[in-house]
Amino acid sequence: MIALSVAIIMVGTGLAAAWAEKVVGGAAVGAMAEKPELFGKGLTMMVLPETIVIFGFAMAFLLMSKMSEIGGP
């Protein structure tokens, strides 16, 4: 059951980050097309959704360590 939870966490955070990248990427490209000086801010905003995956990986790692305590594979 814990392994299934880890899989759901990783899939969920991956999909959430992909959706956020799509939304932020479209807005950033549109803004940079009008004002090229917004490149730095657009790049920063593109990196922020990746923290979702990092938090998901941390949670998955914590659950995997819990699984090894219980005695699972």
PDB file of N, CA and C in Angstrom:
ATOM      1  N   MET A   1       0.812  -1.192   0.000  1.00  0.00           N
ATOM      2  CA  MET A   1       0.000   0.000   0.000  1.00  0.00           C
ATOM      3  C   MET A   1       0.862   1.265   0.000  1.00  0.00           C
ATOM      4  N   ILE A   2       1.988   1.205   0.710  1.00  0.00           N
ATOM      5  CA  ILE A   2       2.877   2.363   0.743  1.00  0.00           C
ATOM      6  C   ILE A   2       3.501   2.590  -0.632  1.00  0.00           C
ATOM      7  N   ALA A   3       3.845   1.514  -1.335  1.00  0.00           N
ATOM      8  CA  ALA A   3       4.421   1.657  -2.672  1.00  0.00           C
ATOM      9  C   ALA A   3       3.428   2.310  -3.629  1.00  0.00           C
ATOM     10  N   LEU A   4       2.172   1.974  -3.500  1.00  0.00           N
ATOM     11  CA  LEU A   4       1.142   2.608  -4.319  1.00  0.00           C
ATOM     12  C   LEU A   4       1.027   4.094  -3.981  1.00  0.00           C
ATOM     13  N   SER A   5       1.136   4.428  -2.710  1.00  0.00           N
ATOM     14  CA  SER A   5       1.102   5.825  -2.297  1.00  0.00           C
ATOM     15  C   SER A   5       2.270   6.604  -2.882  1.00  0.00           C
ATOM     16  N   VAL A   6       3.439   5.994  -2.891  1.00  0.00           N
ATOM     17  CA  VAL A   6       4.620   6.643  -3.477  1.00  0.00           C
ATOM     18  C   VAL A   6       4.406   6.880  -4.968  1.00  0.00           C
ATOM     19  N   ALA A   7       3.854   5.901  -5.655  1.00  0.00           N
ATOM     20  CA  ALA A   7       3.602   6.051  -7.088  1.00  0.00           C
ATOM     21  C   ALA A   7       2.592   7.165  -7.361  1.00  0.00           C
ATOM     22  N   ILE A   8       1.554   7.232  -6.554  1.00  0.00           N
ATOM     23  CA  ILE A   8       0.544   8.285  -6.730  1.00  0.00           C
ATOM     24  C   ILE A   8       1.147   9.661  -6.476  1.00  0.00           C
ATOM     25  N   ILE A   9       1.993   9.764  -5.457  1.00  0.00           N
ATOM     26  CA  ILE A   9       2.644  11.047  -5.165  1.00  0.00           C
ATOM     27  C   ILE A   9       3.501  11.490  -6.345  1.00  0.00           C
ATOM     28  N   MET A  10       4.303  10.587  -6.888  1.00  0.00           N
ATOM     29  CA  MET A  10       5.202  10.969  -7.975  1.00  0.00           C
ATOM     30  C   MET A  10       4.438  11.319  -9.246  1.00  0.00           C
ATOM     31  N   VAL A  11       3.397  10.562  -9.560  1.00  0.00           N
ATOM     32  CA  VAL A  11       2.593  10.871 -10.745  1.00  0.00           C
ATOM     33  C   VAL A  11       1.850  12.192 -10.553  1.00  0.00           C
ATOM     34  N   GLY A  12       1.290  12.384  -9.372  1.00  0.00           N
ATOM     35  CA  GLY A  12       0.548  13.614  -9.100  1.00  0.00           C
ATOM     36  C   GLY A  12       1.418  14.854  -9.176  1.00  0.00           C
ATOM     37  N   THR A  13       2.594  14.792  -8.566  1.00  0.00           N
ATOM     38  CA  THR A  13       3.466  15.960  -8.607  1.00  0.00           C
ATOM     39  C   THR A  13       4.026  16.186 -10.006  1.00  0.00           C
ATOM     40  N   GLY A  14       4.265  15.119 -10.733  1.00  0.00           N
ATOM     41  CA  GLY A  14       4.735  15.279 -12.114  1.00  0.00           C
ATOM     42  C   GLY A  14       3.694  15.943 -12.997  1.00  0.00           C
ATOM     43  N   LEU A  15       2.451  15.507 -12.861  1.00  0.00           N
ATOM     44  CA  LEU A  15       1.377  16.121 -13.654  1.00  0.00           C
ATOM     45  C   LEU A  15       1.133  17.573 -13.241  1.00  0.00           C
ATOM     46  N   ALA A  16       1.186  17.836 -11.947  1.00  0.00           N
ATOM     47  CA  ALA A  16       0.976  19.210 -11.472  1.00  0.00           C
ATOM     48  C   ALA A  16       2.074  20.136 -11.980  1.00  0.00           C
ATOM     49  N   ALA A  17       3.312  19.661 -11.952  1.00  0.00           N
ATOM     50  CA  ALA A  17       4.413  20.490 -12.446  1.00  0.00           C
ATOM     51  C   ALA A  17       4.302  20.710 -13.950  1.00  0.00           C
ATOM     52  N   ALA A  18       3.905  19.692 -14.684  1.00  0.00           N
ATOM     53  CA  ALA A  18       3.752  19.835 -16.133  1.00  0.00           C
ATOM     54  C   ALA A  18       2.654  20.837 -16.466  1.00  0.00           C
ATOM     55  N   TRP A  19       1.547  20.784 -15.740  1.00  0.00           N
ATOM     56  CA  TRP A  19       0.458  21.725 -15.981  1.00  0.00           C
ATOM     57  C   TRP A  19       0.899  23.155 -15.651  1.00  0.00           C
ATOM     58  N   ALA A  20       1.610  23.306 -14.529  1.00  0.00           N
ATOM     59  CA  ALA A  20       2.078  24.631 -14.134  1.00  0.00           C
ATOM     60  C   ALA A  20       3.091  25.173 -15.132  1.00  0.00           C
ATOM     61  N   GLU A  21       3.977  24.318 -15.634  1.00  0.00           N
ATOM     62  CA  GLU A  21       4.953  24.748 -16.648  1.00  0.00           C
ATOM     63  C   GLU A  21       4.243  25.209 -17.911  1.00  0.00           C
ATOM     64  N   LYS A  22       3.172  24.521 -18.280  1.00  0.00           N
ATOM     65  CA  LYS A  22       2.418  24.903 -19.482  1.00  0.00           C
ATOM     66  C   LYS A  22       1.816  26.292 -19.317  1.00  0.00           C
ATOM     67  N   VAL A  23       1.204  26.522 -18.177  1.00  0.00           N
ATOM     68  CA  VAL A  23       0.541  27.805 -17.938  1.00  0.00           C
ATOM     69  C   VAL A  23       1.574  28.929 -17.831  1.00  0.00           C
ATOM     70  N   VAL A  24       2.588  28.719 -17.014  1.00  0.00           N
ATOM     71  CA  VAL A  24       3.603  29.751 -16.802  1.00  0.00           C
ATOM     72  C   VAL A  24       4.409  29.976 -18.071  1.00  0.00           C
ATOM     73  N   GLY A  25       4.715  28.908 -18.784  1.00  0.00           N
ATOM     74  CA  GLY A  25       5.494  29.043 -20.015  1.00  0.00           C
ATOM     75  C   GLY A  25       4.787  29.871 -21.065  1.00  0.00           C
ATOM     76  N   GLY A  26       3.497  29.633 -21.237  1.00  0.00           N
ATOM     77  CA  GLY A  26       2.727  30.410 -22.205  1.00  0.00           C
ATOM     78  C   GLY A  26       2.688  31.885 -21.842  1.00  0.00           C
ATOM     79  N   ALA A  27       2.486  32.151 -20.560  1.00  0.00           N
ATOM     80  CA  ALA A  27       2.439  33.549 -20.115  1.00  0.00           C
ATOM     81  C   ALA A  27       3.808  34.213 -20.239  1.00  0.00           C
ATOM     82  N   ALA A  28       4.859  33.477 -19.909  1.00  0.00           N
ATOM     83  CA  ALA A  28       6.209  34.053 -19.978  1.00  0.00           C
ATOM     84  C   ALA A  28       6.610  34.354 -21.421  1.00  0.00           C
ATOM     85  N   VAL A  29       6.305  33.454 -22.331  1.00  0.00           N
ATOM     86  CA  VAL A  29       6.645  33.692 -23.737  1.00  0.00           C
ATOM     87  C   VAL A  29       5.859  34.874 -24.283  1.00  0.00           C
ATOM     88  N   GLY A  30       4.595  34.970 -23.911  1.00  0.00           N
ATOM     89  CA  GLY A  30       3.787  36.103 -24.345  1.00  0.00           C
ATOM     90  C   GLY A  30       4.321  37.419 -23.809  1.00  0.00           C
ATOM     91  N   ALA A  31       4.726  37.422 -22.545  1.00  0.00           N
ATOM     92  CA  ALA A  31       5.267  38.645 -21.951  1.00  0.00           C
ATOM     93  C   ALA A  31       6.597  39.020 -22.583  1.00  0.00           C
ATOM     94  N   MET A  32       7.454  38.012 -22.847  1.00  0.00           N
ATOM     95  CA  MET A  32       8.762  38.303 -23.452  1.00  0.00           C
ATOM     96  C   MET A  32       8.629  38.745 -24.899  1.00  0.00           C
ATOM     97  N   ALA A  33       7.571  38.325 -25.570  1.00  0.00           N
ATOM     98  CA  ALA A  33       7.365  38.771 -26.950  1.00  0.00           C
ATOM     99  C   ALA A  33       7.071  40.269 -26.987  1.00  0.00           C
ATOM    100  N   GLU A  34       6.388  40.763 -25.964  1.00  0.00           N
ATOM    101  CA  GLU A  34       6.072  42.187 -25.913  1.00  0.00           C
ATOM    102  C   GLU A  34       7.199  43.011 -25.293  1.00  0.00           C
ATOM    103  N   LYS A  35       7.836  42.453 -24.253  1.00  0.00           N
ATOM    104  CA  LYS A  35       8.926  43.167 -23.570  1.00  0.00           C
ATOM    105  C   LYS A  35      10.093  42.203 -23.357  1.00  0.00           C
ATOM    106  N   PRO A  36      11.090  42.241 -24.219  1.00  0.00           N
ATOM    107  CA  PRO A  36      12.224  41.312 -24.088  1.00  0.00           C
ATOM    108  C   PRO A  36      12.991  41.446 -22.772  1.00  0.00           C
ATOM    109  N   GLU A  37      12.884  42.564 -22.091  1.00  0.00           N
ATOM    110  CA  GLU A  37      13.616  42.734 -20.830  1.00  0.00           C
ATOM    111  C   GLU A  37      13.021  41.880 -19.701  1.00  0.00           C
ATOM    112  N   LEU A  38      11.903  41.238 -19.930  1.00  0.00           N
ATOM    113  CA  LEU A  38      11.286  40.366 -18.923  1.00  0.00           C
ATOM    114  C   LEU A  38      11.835  38.938 -18.962  1.00  0.00           C
ATOM    115  N   PHE A  39      12.910  38.711 -19.706  1.00  0.00           N
ATOM    116  CA  PHE A  39      13.467  37.362 -19.833  1.00  0.00           C
ATOM    117  C   PHE A  39      13.861  36.782 -18.477  1.00  0.00           C
ATOM    118  N   GLY A  40      14.545  37.563 -17.654  1.00  0.00           N
ATOM    119  CA  GLY A  40      14.997  37.075 -16.339  1.00  0.00           C
ATOM    120  C   GLY A  40      13.834  36.680 -15.443  1.00  0.00           C
ATOM    121  N   LYS A  41      12.809  37.508 -15.418  1.00  0.00           N
ATOM    122  CA  LYS A  41      11.633  37.187 -14.594  1.00  0.00           C
ATOM    123  C   LYS A  41      10.901  35.961 -15.143  1.00  0.00           C
ATOM    124  N   GLY A  42      10.824  35.862 -16.461  1.00  0.00           N
ATOM    125  CA  GLY A  42      10.171  34.701 -17.066  1.00  0.00           C
ATOM    126  C   GLY A  42      10.920  33.413 -16.766  1.00  0.00           C
ATOM    127  N   LEU A  43      12.240  33.491 -16.821  1.00  0.00           N
ATOM    128  CA  LEU A  43      13.054  32.312 -16.517  1.00  0.00           C
ATOM    129  C   LEU A  43      12.884  31.891 -15.063  1.00  0.00           C
ATOM    130  N   THR A  44      12.846  32.866 -14.169  1.00  0.00           N
ATOM    131  CA  THR A  44      12.639  32.571 -12.751  1.00  0.00           C
ATOM    132  C   THR A  44      11.283  31.925 -12.524  1.00  0.00           C
ATOM    133  N   MET A  45      10.268  32.433 -13.175  1.00  0.00           N
ATOM    134  CA  MET A  45       8.932  31.872 -13.011  1.00  0.00           C
ATOM    135  C   MET A  45       8.826  30.467 -13.608  1.00  0.00           C
ATOM    136  N   MET A  46       9.636  30.148 -14.607  1.00  0.00           N
ATOM    137  CA  MET A  46       9.625  28.805 -15.192  1.00  0.00           C
ATOM    138  C   MET A  46      10.251  27.778 -14.248  1.00  0.00           C
ATOM    139  N   VAL A  47      11.145  28.216 -13.391  1.00  0.00           N
ATOM    140  CA  VAL A  47      11.832  27.298 -12.485  1.00  0.00           C
ATOM    141  C   VAL A  47      10.976  26.975 -11.256  1.00  0.00           C
ATOM    142  N   LEU A  48      10.135  27.897 -10.847  1.00  0.00           N
ATOM    143  CA  LEU A  48       9.358  27.712  -9.615  1.00  0.00           C
ATOM    144  C   LEU A  48       8.468  26.463  -9.596  1.00  0.00           C
ATOM    145  N   PRO A  49       7.761  26.095 -10.675  1.00  0.00           N
ATOM    146  CA  PRO A  49       6.926  24.889 -10.592  1.00  0.00           C
ATOM    147  C   PRO A  49       7.710  23.592 -10.373  1.00  0.00           C
ATOM    148  N   GLU A  50       8.990  23.611 -10.636  1.00  0.00           N
ATOM    149  CA  GLU A  50       9.782  22.398 -10.418  1.00  0.00           C
ATOM    150  C   GLU A  50       9.913  22.064  -8.943  1.00  0.00           C
ATOM    151  N   THR A  51       9.663  23.044  -8.074  1.00  0.00           N
ATOM    152  CA  THR A  51       9.715  22.747  -6.641  1.00  0.00           C
ATOM    153  C   THR A  51       8.610  21.775  -6.239  1.00  0.00           C
ATOM    154  N   ILE A  52       7.536  21.739  -7.006  1.00  0.00           N
ATOM    155  CA  ILE A  52       6.456  20.784  -6.728  1.00  0.00           C
ATOM    156  C   ILE A  52       7.001  19.356  -6.804  1.00  0.00           C
ATOM    157  N   VAL A  53       7.803  19.090  -7.822  1.00  0.00           N
ATOM    158  CA  VAL A  53       8.373  17.748  -7.987  1.00  0.00           C
ATOM    159  C   VAL A  53       9.380  17.451  -6.879  1.00  0.00           C
ATOM    160  N   ILE A  54      10.147  18.449  -6.478  1.00  0.00           N
ATOM    161  CA  ILE A  54      11.125  18.243  -5.407  1.00  0.00           C
ATOM    162  C   ILE A  54      10.416  17.887  -4.103  1.00  0.00           C
ATOM    163  N   PHE A  55       9.327  18.594  -3.791  1.00  0.00           N
ATOM    164  CA  PHE A  55       8.563  18.265  -2.583  1.00  0.00           C
ATOM    165  C   PHE A  55       7.941  16.876  -2.686  1.00  0.00           C
ATOM    166  N   GLY A  56       7.452  16.519  -3.856  1.00  0.00           N
ATOM    167  CA  GLY A  56       6.896  15.182  -4.056  1.00  0.00           C
ATOM    168  C   GLY A  56       7.947  14.100  -3.893  1.00  0.00           C
ATOM    169  N   PHE A  57       9.137  14.360  -4.407  1.00  0.00           N
ATOM    170  CA  PHE A  57      10.229  13.392  -4.256  1.00  0.00           C
ATOM    171  C   PHE A  57      10.604  13.236  -2.792  1.00  0.00           C
ATOM    172  N   ALA A  58      10.618  14.336  -2.046  1.00  0.00           N
ATOM    173  CA  ALA A  58      10.937  14.258  -0.617  1.00  0.00           C
ATOM    174  C   ALA A  58       9.889  13.430   0.129  1.00  0.00           C
ATOM    175  N   MET A  59       8.621  13.639  -0.199  1.00  0.00           N
ATOM    176  CA  MET A  59       7.565  12.862   0.442  1.00  0.00           C
ATOM    177  C   MET A  59       7.666  11.383   0.063  1.00  0.00           C
ATOM    178  N   ALA A  60       7.961  11.107  -1.202  1.00  0.00           N
ATOM    179  CA  ALA A  60       8.112   9.720  -1.633  1.00  0.00           C
ATOM    180  C   ALA A  60       9.286   9.053  -0.920  1.00  0.00           C
ATOM    181  N   PHE A  61      10.377   9.787  -0.760  1.00  0.00           N
ATOM    182  CA  PHE A  61      11.535   9.245  -0.066  1.00  0.00           C
ATOM    183  C   PHE A  61      11.200   8.931   1.392  1.00  0.00           C
ATOM    184  N   LEU A  62      10.448   9.824   2.042  1.00  0.00           N
ATOM    185  CA  LEU A  62      10.054   9.573   3.424  1.00  0.00           C
ATOM    186  C   LEU A  62       9.135   8.360   3.532  1.00  0.00           C
ATOM    187  N   LEU A  63       8.224   8.207   2.587  1.00  0.00           N
ATOM    188  CA  LEU A  63       7.346   7.035   2.610  1.00  0.00           C
ATOM    189  C   LEU A  63       8.120   5.749   2.326  1.00  0.00           C
ATOM    190  N   MET A  64       9.097   5.824   1.435  1.00  0.00           N
ATOM    191  CA  MET A  64       9.900   4.624   1.143  1.00  0.00           C
ATOM    192  C   MET A  64      10.710   4.208   2.379  1.00  0.00           C
ATOM    193  N   SER A  65      11.206   5.184   3.124  1.00  0.00           N
ATOM    194  CA  SER A  65      11.948   4.825   4.355  1.00  0.00           C
ATOM    195  C   SER A  65      10.991   4.209   5.380  1.00  0.00           C
ATOM    196  N   LYS A  66       9.744   4.667   5.402  1.00  0.00           N
ATOM    197  CA  LYS A  66       8.743   4.065   6.296  1.00  0.00           C
ATOM    198  C   LYS A  66       8.449   2.620   5.878  1.00  0.00           C
ATOM    199  N   MET A  67       8.461   2.366   4.561  1.00  0.00           N
ATOM    200  CA  MET A  67       8.196   1.028   4.070  1.00  0.00           C
ATOM    201  C   MET A  67       9.319   0.075   4.483  1.00  0.00           C
ATOM    202  N   SER A  68      10.555   0.550   4.490  1.00  0.00           N
ATOM    203  CA  SER A  68      11.651  -0.313   4.895  1.00  0.00           C
ATOM    204  C   SER A  68      11.604  -0.594   6.398  1.00  0.00           C
ATOM    205  N   GLU A  69      11.060   0.323   7.192  1.00  0.00           N
ATOM    206  CA  GLU A  69      10.904   0.078   8.631  1.00  0.00           C
ATOM    207  C   GLU A  69       9.876  -1.015   8.904  1.00  0.00           C
ATOM    208  N   ILE A  70       8.827  -1.047   8.073  1.00  0.00           N
ATOM    209  CA  ILE A  70       7.769  -2.032   8.259  1.00  0.00           C
ATOM    210  C   ILE A  70       8.245  -3.412   7.813  1.00  0.00           C
ATOM    211  N   GLY A  71       9.141  -3.443   6.848  1.00  0.00           N
ATOM    212  CA  GLY A  71       9.648  -4.711   6.359  1.00  0.00           C
ATOM    213  C   GLY A  71       9.188  -5.058   4.967  1.00  0.00           C
ATOM    214  N   GLY A  72       8.737  -4.081   4.236  1.00  0.00           N
ATOM    215  CA  GLY A  72       8.289  -4.318   2.862  1.00  0.00           C
ATOM    216  C   GLY A  72       9.464  -4.344   1.899  1.00  0.00           C
ATOM    217  N   PRO A  73       9.186  -4.571   0.616  1.00  0.00           N
ATOM    218  CA  PRO A  73      10.276  -4.649  -0.375  1.00  0.00           C
ATOM    219  C   PRO A  73      10.934  -3.323  -0.632  1.00  0.00           C
TER     220      PRO A  73
END
